[in-house]
């Protein structure tokens, strides 16, 4: 079966650009990750959530969500990715505007930079939390024990 993403690229309707929404949520001892991938028309291509059985800071959770999202779109081979996150720290560190001083964030940042380099054209946009509701809801559900994946296939 051909997904909407694959059809739009093949049919030449300007496909190739994806918008990646990411968010992380923390609970005592567990972290939830939420990822939403939309095509350039705003249609949801896939959404995913995952729980990690470890405690971490909010910024670490946001980076883990970013990595989860980048790995998700990497297999789709997009021409361009726009990452939208409500984490000002992650967005500005990935843009090079903020220094990455924390050692655990440095490791996560380096992993994210490596995937970004492999993807090529990647932009980062900080969005208000209210505009990131679906990724936020997925991350919170995963942190509460409900994780999953829905694909347009």
N, C-alpha and C. Protein backbone atom coordinates (compact mmCIF):
# COMPACT_ATOMS: atom_id res chain seq x y z
N UNK A 1 0.83 -1.18 0.00
CA UNK A 1 0.00 0.00 0.00
C UNK A 1 0.88 1.25 0.00
N UNK A 2 0.45 2.31 -0.66
CA UNK A 2 1.22 3.54 -0.76
C UNK A 2 0.65 4.57 0.20
N UNK A 3 1.52 5.15 1.02
CA UNK A 3 1.05 6.17 1.96
C UNK A 3 0.82 7.48 1.21
N UNK A 4 0.09 8.39 1.85
CA UNK A 4 -0.17 9.70 1.26
C UNK A 4 1.15 10.42 0.99
N UNK A 5 2.11 10.28 1.90
CA UNK A 5 3.41 10.93 1.72
C UNK A 5 4.07 10.43 0.46
N UNK A 6 4.09 9.12 0.25
CA UNK A 6 4.72 8.56 -0.94
C UNK A 6 3.98 8.99 -2.20
N UNK A 7 2.65 9.00 -2.16
CA UNK A 7 1.88 9.43 -3.33
C UNK A 7 2.18 10.87 -3.70
N UNK A 8 2.21 11.76 -2.70
CA UNK A 8 2.41 13.18 -3.00
C UNK A 8 3.78 13.42 -3.60
N UNK A 9 4.80 12.69 -3.15
CA UNK A 9 6.13 12.86 -3.73
C UNK A 9 6.14 12.36 -5.17
N UNK A 10 5.55 11.20 -5.40
CA UNK A 10 5.57 10.60 -6.72
C UNK A 10 4.74 11.40 -7.72
N UNK A 11 3.61 11.90 -7.27
CA UNK A 11 2.70 12.61 -8.16
C UNK A 11 3.15 14.03 -8.46
N UNK A 12 4.22 14.50 -7.82
CA UNK A 12 4.79 15.79 -8.16
C UNK A 12 3.97 16.99 -7.73
N UNK A 13 3.21 16.88 -6.63
CA UNK A 13 2.40 18.03 -6.21
C UNK A 13 3.15 18.91 -5.23
N UNK A 14 4.49 18.90 -5.31
CA UNK A 14 5.26 19.75 -4.43
C UNK A 14 5.63 19.06 -3.13
N UNK A 15 5.48 17.71 -3.07
CA UNK A 15 5.84 16.96 -1.88
C UNK A 15 7.33 17.07 -1.60
N UNK A 16 7.74 16.46 -0.53
CA UNK A 16 9.14 16.50 -0.17
C UNK A 16 9.43 17.33 1.05
N UNK A 17 8.48 18.14 1.49
CA UNK A 17 8.67 18.96 2.69
C UNK A 17 7.76 18.43 3.78
N UNK A 18 8.35 18.16 4.94
CA UNK A 18 7.58 17.68 6.07
C UNK A 18 7.68 18.66 7.23
N UNK A 19 6.62 18.71 8.01
CA UNK A 19 6.61 19.51 9.23
C UNK A 19 6.54 18.53 10.39
N UNK A 20 7.54 18.61 11.24
CA UNK A 20 7.69 17.69 12.36
C UNK A 20 7.42 18.42 13.66
N UNK A 21 6.39 18.00 14.38
CA UNK A 21 6.03 18.56 15.67
C UNK A 21 6.50 17.57 16.73
N UNK A 22 7.22 18.04 17.76
CA UNK A 22 7.75 17.15 18.79
C UNK A 22 7.48 17.72 20.18
N UNK A 23 7.33 16.81 21.15
CA UNK A 23 7.17 17.23 22.53
C UNK A 23 7.52 16.09 23.46
N UNK A 24 8.00 16.45 24.64
CA UNK A 24 8.31 15.48 25.68
C UNK A 24 7.55 15.82 26.94
N UNK A 25 7.24 14.78 27.74
CA UNK A 25 6.53 14.97 29.01
C UNK A 25 7.19 14.08 30.05
N UNK A 26 7.33 14.60 31.24
CA UNK A 26 7.96 13.80 32.29
C UNK A 26 7.00 13.51 33.43
N UNK A 27 7.19 12.33 34.00
CA UNK A 27 6.50 11.89 35.22
C UNK A 27 7.59 11.27 36.10
N UNK A 28 7.30 11.01 37.34
CA UNK A 28 8.30 10.34 38.18
C UNK A 28 8.70 8.98 37.58
N UNK A 29 9.94 8.87 37.16
CA UNK A 29 10.47 7.60 36.65
C UNK A 29 10.12 7.25 35.22
N UNK A 30 9.36 8.09 34.53
CA UNK A 30 9.00 7.78 33.14
C UNK A 30 8.95 9.06 32.32
N UNK A 31 9.29 8.94 31.05
CA UNK A 31 9.25 10.06 30.13
C UNK A 31 8.42 9.68 28.92
N UNK A 32 7.55 10.55 28.49
CA UNK A 32 6.73 10.32 27.31
C UNK A 32 7.19 11.20 26.16
N UNK A 33 7.19 10.63 24.95
CA UNK A 33 7.60 11.36 23.75
C UNK A 33 6.44 11.36 22.76
N UNK A 34 6.19 12.51 22.16
CA UNK A 34 5.14 12.63 21.16
C UNK A 34 5.67 13.27 19.90
N UNK A 35 5.30 12.68 18.75
CA UNK A 35 5.77 13.14 17.45
C UNK A 35 4.59 13.16 16.48
N UNK A 36 4.45 14.26 15.75
CA UNK A 36 3.44 14.36 14.70
C UNK A 36 4.15 14.82 13.43
N UNK A 37 3.94 14.10 12.33
CA UNK A 37 4.53 14.47 11.05
C UNK A 37 3.39 14.87 10.12
N UNK A 38 3.51 16.07 9.58
CA UNK A 38 2.50 16.57 8.63
C UNK A 38 3.17 16.86 7.30
N UNK A 39 2.39 16.75 6.23
CA UNK A 39 2.93 17.15 4.93
C UNK A 39 2.81 18.66 4.78
N UNK A 40 3.24 19.19 3.66
CA UNK A 40 3.25 20.64 3.50
C UNK A 40 1.86 21.24 3.45
N UNK A 41 0.84 20.43 3.23
CA UNK A 41 -0.54 20.93 3.24
C UNK A 41 -1.17 20.85 4.62
N UNK A 42 -0.42 20.32 5.59
CA UNK A 42 -0.92 20.22 6.94
C UNK A 42 -1.58 18.90 7.28
N UNK A 43 -1.63 17.97 6.33
CA UNK A 43 -2.25 16.67 6.59
C UNK A 43 -1.30 15.81 7.42
N UNK A 44 -1.86 15.10 8.39
CA UNK A 44 -1.06 14.23 9.23
C UNK A 44 -0.62 13.01 8.41
N UNK A 45 0.68 12.80 8.35
CA UNK A 45 1.26 11.64 7.68
C UNK A 45 1.38 10.49 8.67
N UNK A 46 1.86 10.79 9.86
CA UNK A 46 1.96 9.80 10.93
C UNK A 46 2.03 10.51 12.26
N UNK A 47 1.65 9.81 13.31
CA UNK A 47 1.93 10.28 14.65
C UNK A 47 2.36 9.08 15.47
N UNK A 48 3.26 9.36 16.39
CA UNK A 48 3.85 8.30 17.20
C UNK A 48 4.05 8.79 18.62
N UNK A 49 4.00 7.85 19.53
CA UNK A 49 4.33 8.16 20.91
C UNK A 49 5.09 6.98 21.50
N UNK A 50 5.88 7.29 22.49
CA UNK A 50 6.72 6.26 23.10
C UNK A 50 7.04 6.68 24.52
N UNK A 51 7.11 5.68 25.40
CA UNK A 51 7.49 5.93 26.79
C UNK A 51 8.91 5.40 27.02
N UNK A 52 9.69 6.15 27.77
CA UNK A 52 11.02 5.72 28.20
C UNK A 52 10.97 5.52 29.70
N UNK A 53 11.42 4.38 30.15
CA UNK A 53 11.36 4.05 31.58
C UNK A 53 12.57 4.62 32.31
N UNK A 54 12.67 5.92 32.29
CA UNK A 54 13.75 6.57 33.01
C UNK A 54 13.36 8.00 33.34
N UNK A 55 13.86 8.46 34.45
CA UNK A 55 13.62 9.85 34.85
C UNK A 55 14.61 10.74 34.12
N UNK A 56 14.17 11.90 33.74
CA UNK A 56 15.05 12.87 33.09
C UNK A 56 14.48 14.26 33.29
N UNK A 57 15.26 15.25 32.93
CA UNK A 57 14.81 16.63 33.04
C UNK A 57 13.88 16.95 31.87
N UNK A 58 13.19 18.08 31.97
CA UNK A 58 12.32 18.53 30.89
C UNK A 58 13.11 18.70 29.59
N UNK A 59 14.28 19.33 29.68
CA UNK A 59 15.08 19.56 28.47
C UNK A 59 15.58 18.26 27.86
N UNK A 60 15.95 17.30 28.69
CA UNK A 60 16.36 15.99 28.16
C UNK A 60 15.18 15.32 27.46
N UNK A 61 13.99 15.41 28.04
CA UNK A 61 12.79 14.83 27.43
C UNK A 61 12.50 15.49 26.09
N UNK A 62 12.67 16.80 26.02
CA UNK A 62 12.44 17.51 24.75
C UNK A 62 13.44 17.05 23.68
N UNK A 63 14.69 16.87 24.06
CA UNK A 63 15.69 16.37 23.12
C UNK A 63 15.40 14.93 22.68
N UNK A 64 14.97 14.09 23.62
CA UNK A 64 14.62 12.71 23.27
C UNK A 64 13.45 12.70 22.28
N UNK A 65 12.48 13.60 22.48
CA UNK A 65 11.36 13.72 21.54
C UNK A 65 11.86 14.17 20.17
N UNK A 66 12.78 15.13 20.16
CA UNK A 66 13.36 15.59 18.90
C UNK A 66 14.05 14.43 18.18
N UNK A 67 14.86 13.65 18.90
CA UNK A 67 15.55 12.51 18.29
C UNK A 67 14.55 11.49 17.75
N UNK A 68 13.51 11.20 18.51
CA UNK A 68 12.46 10.28 18.08
C UNK A 68 11.81 10.77 16.79
N UNK A 69 11.54 12.07 16.73
CA UNK A 69 10.94 12.66 15.53
C UNK A 69 11.88 12.66 14.33
N UNK A 70 13.12 13.05 14.55
CA UNK A 70 14.09 13.06 13.45
C UNK A 70 14.31 11.67 12.89
N UNK A 71 14.37 10.67 13.77
CA UNK A 71 14.51 9.28 13.30
C UNK A 71 13.27 8.85 12.53
N UNK A 72 12.11 9.34 12.92
CA UNK A 72 10.86 9.01 12.21
C UNK A 72 10.89 9.56 10.79
N UNK A 73 11.25 10.83 10.62
CA UNK A 73 11.23 11.42 9.28
C UNK A 73 12.43 11.00 8.43
N UNK A 74 13.50 10.58 9.07
CA UNK A 74 14.71 10.18 8.32
C UNK A 74 14.38 9.07 7.33
N UNK A 75 13.55 8.12 7.73
CA UNK A 75 13.17 7.03 6.83
C UNK A 75 12.26 7.46 5.69
N UNK A 76 11.69 8.62 5.77
CA UNK A 76 10.80 9.13 4.72
C UNK A 76 11.55 9.87 3.63
N UNK A 77 12.81 10.16 3.87
CA UNK A 77 13.69 10.85 2.92
C UNK A 77 13.10 12.15 2.38
N UNK A 78 12.75 13.07 3.27
CA UNK A 78 12.18 14.34 2.81
C UNK A 78 13.24 15.25 2.21
N UNK A 79 12.80 16.14 1.34
CA UNK A 79 13.71 17.14 0.77
C UNK A 79 13.99 18.23 1.79
N UNK A 80 13.04 18.47 2.68
CA UNK A 80 13.16 19.52 3.69
C UNK A 80 12.30 19.16 4.89
N UNK A 81 12.78 19.52 6.07
CA UNK A 81 12.02 19.29 7.30
C UNK A 81 11.97 20.59 8.10
N UNK A 82 10.80 20.92 8.57
CA UNK A 82 10.65 22.04 9.51
C UNK A 82 10.26 21.44 10.84
N UNK A 83 11.12 21.57 11.83
CA UNK A 83 10.86 21.05 13.17
C UNK A 83 10.20 22.14 13.99
N UNK A 84 9.08 21.80 14.59
CA UNK A 84 8.38 22.74 15.46
C UNK A 84 8.34 22.16 16.87
N UNK A 85 8.81 22.94 17.80
CA UNK A 85 8.87 22.51 19.19
C UNK A 85 8.47 23.66 20.10
N UNK A 86 7.86 23.32 21.23
CA UNK A 86 7.54 24.37 22.19
C UNK A 86 8.67 24.58 23.18
N UNK A 87 9.80 23.89 22.98
CA UNK A 87 10.96 24.07 23.83
C UNK A 87 11.87 25.15 23.24
N UNK A 88 11.88 26.28 23.89
CA UNK A 88 12.74 27.37 23.44
C UNK A 88 14.21 26.98 23.56
N UNK A 89 14.55 26.23 24.59
CA UNK A 89 15.93 25.79 24.79
C UNK A 89 16.38 24.92 23.62
N UNK A 90 15.61 23.89 23.28
CA UNK A 90 15.99 22.99 22.19
C UNK A 90 16.05 23.74 20.86
N UNK A 91 15.04 24.53 20.56
CA UNK A 91 15.03 25.26 19.29
C UNK A 91 16.26 26.16 19.17
N UNK A 92 16.52 26.93 20.20
CA UNK A 92 17.65 27.87 20.13
C UNK A 92 19.01 27.19 20.20
N UNK A 93 19.11 26.08 20.89
CA UNK A 93 20.37 25.34 20.88
C UNK A 93 20.61 24.71 19.52
N UNK A 94 19.58 24.18 18.91
CA UNK A 94 19.74 23.57 17.58
C UNK A 94 20.04 24.64 16.52
N UNK A 95 19.55 25.85 16.73
CA UNK A 95 19.85 26.95 15.82
C UNK A 95 21.22 27.57 16.07
N UNK A 96 21.85 27.18 17.18
CA UNK A 96 23.16 27.73 17.53
C UNK A 96 23.10 29.06 18.24
N UNK A 97 21.91 29.45 18.68
CA UNK A 97 21.74 30.73 19.38
C UNK A 97 22.02 30.62 20.87
N UNK A 98 21.80 29.44 21.45
CA UNK A 98 22.09 29.18 22.85
C UNK A 98 23.22 28.19 22.95
N UNK A 99 24.09 28.36 23.92
CA UNK A 99 25.16 27.38 24.17
C UNK A 99 24.57 26.13 24.82
N UNK A 100 25.23 25.00 24.60
CA UNK A 100 24.83 23.75 25.22
C UNK A 100 25.87 23.43 26.29
N UNK A 101 25.56 23.75 27.52
CA UNK A 101 26.55 23.62 28.60
C UNK A 101 26.42 22.31 29.38
N UNK A 102 25.21 21.82 29.53
CA UNK A 102 24.96 20.61 30.29
C UNK A 102 25.50 19.39 29.54
N UNK A 103 26.23 18.52 30.23
CA UNK A 103 26.89 17.39 29.56
C UNK A 103 25.89 16.40 28.96
N UNK A 104 24.79 16.10 29.64
CA UNK A 104 23.82 15.17 29.07
C UNK A 104 23.12 15.80 27.86
N UNK A 105 22.86 17.11 27.92
CA UNK A 105 22.27 17.78 26.75
C UNK A 105 23.26 17.84 25.60
N UNK A 106 24.54 17.98 25.91
CA UNK A 106 25.56 18.00 24.86
C UNK A 106 25.54 16.70 24.05
N UNK A 107 25.41 15.58 24.74
CA UNK A 107 25.35 14.27 24.04
C UNK A 107 24.11 14.19 23.16
N UNK A 108 22.96 14.59 23.71
CA UNK A 108 21.71 14.55 22.94
C UNK A 108 21.77 15.52 21.76
N UNK A 109 22.32 16.70 21.99
CA UNK A 109 22.46 17.71 20.95
C UNK A 109 23.35 17.18 19.82
N UNK A 110 24.45 16.53 20.16
CA UNK A 110 25.35 15.98 19.15
C UNK A 110 24.66 14.91 18.31
N UNK A 111 23.87 14.05 18.96
CA UNK A 111 23.12 13.03 18.21
C UNK A 111 22.11 13.69 17.26
N UNK A 112 21.42 14.71 17.75
CA UNK A 112 20.44 15.41 16.90
C UNK A 112 21.14 16.10 15.73
N UNK A 113 22.28 16.76 15.99
CA UNK A 113 23.02 17.44 14.92
C UNK A 113 23.47 16.44 13.85
N UNK A 114 23.85 15.24 14.24
CA UNK A 114 24.27 14.22 13.27
C UNK A 114 23.12 13.82 12.36
N UNK A 115 21.93 13.65 12.92
CA UNK A 115 20.76 13.30 12.09
C UNK A 115 20.38 14.46 11.20
N UNK A 116 20.43 15.68 11.74
CA UNK A 116 20.12 16.88 10.95
C UNK A 116 21.09 16.98 9.77
N UNK A 117 22.37 16.72 10.00
CA UNK A 117 23.36 16.78 8.93
C UNK A 117 23.04 15.75 7.85
N UNK A 118 22.60 14.57 8.24
CA UNK A 118 22.25 13.52 7.27
C UNK A 118 20.99 13.89 6.49
N UNK A 119 20.05 14.56 7.14
CA UNK A 119 18.81 14.95 6.48
C UNK A 119 19.03 16.10 5.48
N UNK A 120 19.92 16.99 5.82
CA UNK A 120 20.17 18.14 4.93
C UNK A 120 19.42 19.38 5.36
N UNK A 121 18.37 19.72 4.64
CA UNK A 121 17.64 20.97 4.90
C UNK A 121 16.66 20.79 6.05
N UNK A 122 17.06 21.31 7.22
CA UNK A 122 16.22 21.23 8.42
C UNK A 122 16.17 22.60 9.06
N UNK A 123 14.95 23.06 9.35
CA UNK A 123 14.74 24.33 10.03
C UNK A 123 14.14 24.04 11.40
N UNK A 124 14.39 24.92 12.35
CA UNK A 124 13.83 24.80 13.69
C UNK A 124 13.00 26.03 14.00
N UNK A 125 11.79 25.80 14.51
CA UNK A 125 10.88 26.89 14.83
C UNK A 125 10.34 26.66 16.24
N UNK A 126 10.46 27.68 17.09
CA UNK A 126 9.84 27.63 18.41
C UNK A 126 8.40 28.07 18.27
N UNK A 127 7.48 27.26 18.80
CA UNK A 127 6.05 27.58 18.75
C UNK A 127 5.50 27.60 20.17
N UNK A 128 4.45 28.36 20.42
CA UNK A 128 3.82 28.34 21.74
C UNK A 128 3.26 26.95 22.04
N UNK A 129 3.23 26.60 23.31
CA UNK A 129 2.75 25.27 23.72
C UNK A 129 1.34 24.99 23.20
N UNK A 130 0.50 26.00 23.19
CA UNK A 130 -0.88 25.81 22.73
C UNK A 130 -0.97 25.43 21.25
N UNK A 131 0.06 25.74 20.47
CA UNK A 131 0.06 25.36 19.05
C UNK A 131 0.63 23.97 18.84
N UNK A 132 1.12 23.35 19.92
CA UNK A 132 1.75 22.04 19.83
C UNK A 132 0.92 20.99 20.58
N UNK A 133 -0.39 21.15 20.55
CA UNK A 133 -1.27 20.35 21.39
C UNK A 133 -1.27 18.86 21.08
N UNK A 134 -1.22 18.48 19.81
CA UNK A 134 -1.28 17.05 19.48
C UNK A 134 -0.03 16.33 19.94
N UNK A 135 1.16 16.88 19.65
CA UNK A 135 2.39 16.25 20.13
C UNK A 135 2.42 16.23 21.65
N UNK A 136 1.94 17.30 22.28
CA UNK A 136 1.88 17.37 23.74
C UNK A 136 0.97 16.28 24.30
N UNK A 137 -0.20 16.11 23.70
CA UNK A 137 -1.14 15.09 24.17
C UNK A 137 -0.54 13.69 24.00
N UNK A 138 0.12 13.45 22.88
CA UNK A 138 0.75 12.14 22.66
C UNK A 138 1.85 11.87 23.69
N UNK A 139 2.66 12.88 23.98
CA UNK A 139 3.72 12.73 24.97
C UNK A 139 3.14 12.45 26.36
N UNK A 140 2.10 13.17 26.72
CA UNK A 140 1.48 12.96 28.03
C UNK A 140 0.81 11.60 28.12
N UNK A 141 0.16 11.15 27.07
CA UNK A 141 -0.44 9.81 27.06
C UNK A 141 0.64 8.74 27.21
N UNK A 142 1.76 8.90 26.51
CA UNK A 142 2.85 7.94 26.61
C UNK A 142 3.41 7.91 28.03
N UNK A 143 3.55 9.08 28.63
CA UNK A 143 4.05 9.15 30.01
C UNK A 143 3.08 8.49 30.98
N UNK A 144 1.80 8.48 30.62
CA UNK A 144 0.78 7.86 31.46
C UNK A 144 0.54 6.39 31.11
N UNK A 145 1.35 5.84 30.19
CA UNK A 145 1.27 4.41 29.89
C UNK A 145 0.59 4.04 28.59
N UNK A 146 0.19 5.00 27.78
CA UNK A 146 -0.45 4.70 26.50
C UNK A 146 0.44 5.20 25.38
N UNK A 147 1.05 4.29 24.64
CA UNK A 147 1.88 4.70 23.52
C UNK A 147 1.39 4.00 22.27
N UNK A 148 1.77 4.52 21.11
CA UNK A 148 1.32 3.91 19.88
C UNK A 148 1.80 4.64 18.65
N UNK A 149 1.24 4.21 17.53
CA UNK A 149 1.63 4.78 16.24
C UNK A 149 0.46 4.68 15.30
N UNK A 150 0.22 5.72 14.54
CA UNK A 150 -0.79 5.71 13.49
C UNK A 150 -0.15 6.25 12.24
N UNK A 151 -0.24 5.47 11.17
CA UNK A 151 0.33 5.87 9.88
C UNK A 151 -0.77 5.97 8.84
N UNK A 152 -0.56 6.82 7.87
CA UNK A 152 -1.48 6.93 6.74
C UNK A 152 -1.04 5.92 5.69
N UNK A 153 -1.29 4.65 5.95
CA UNK A 153 -0.92 3.59 4.99
C UNK A 153 -2.01 2.59 4.86
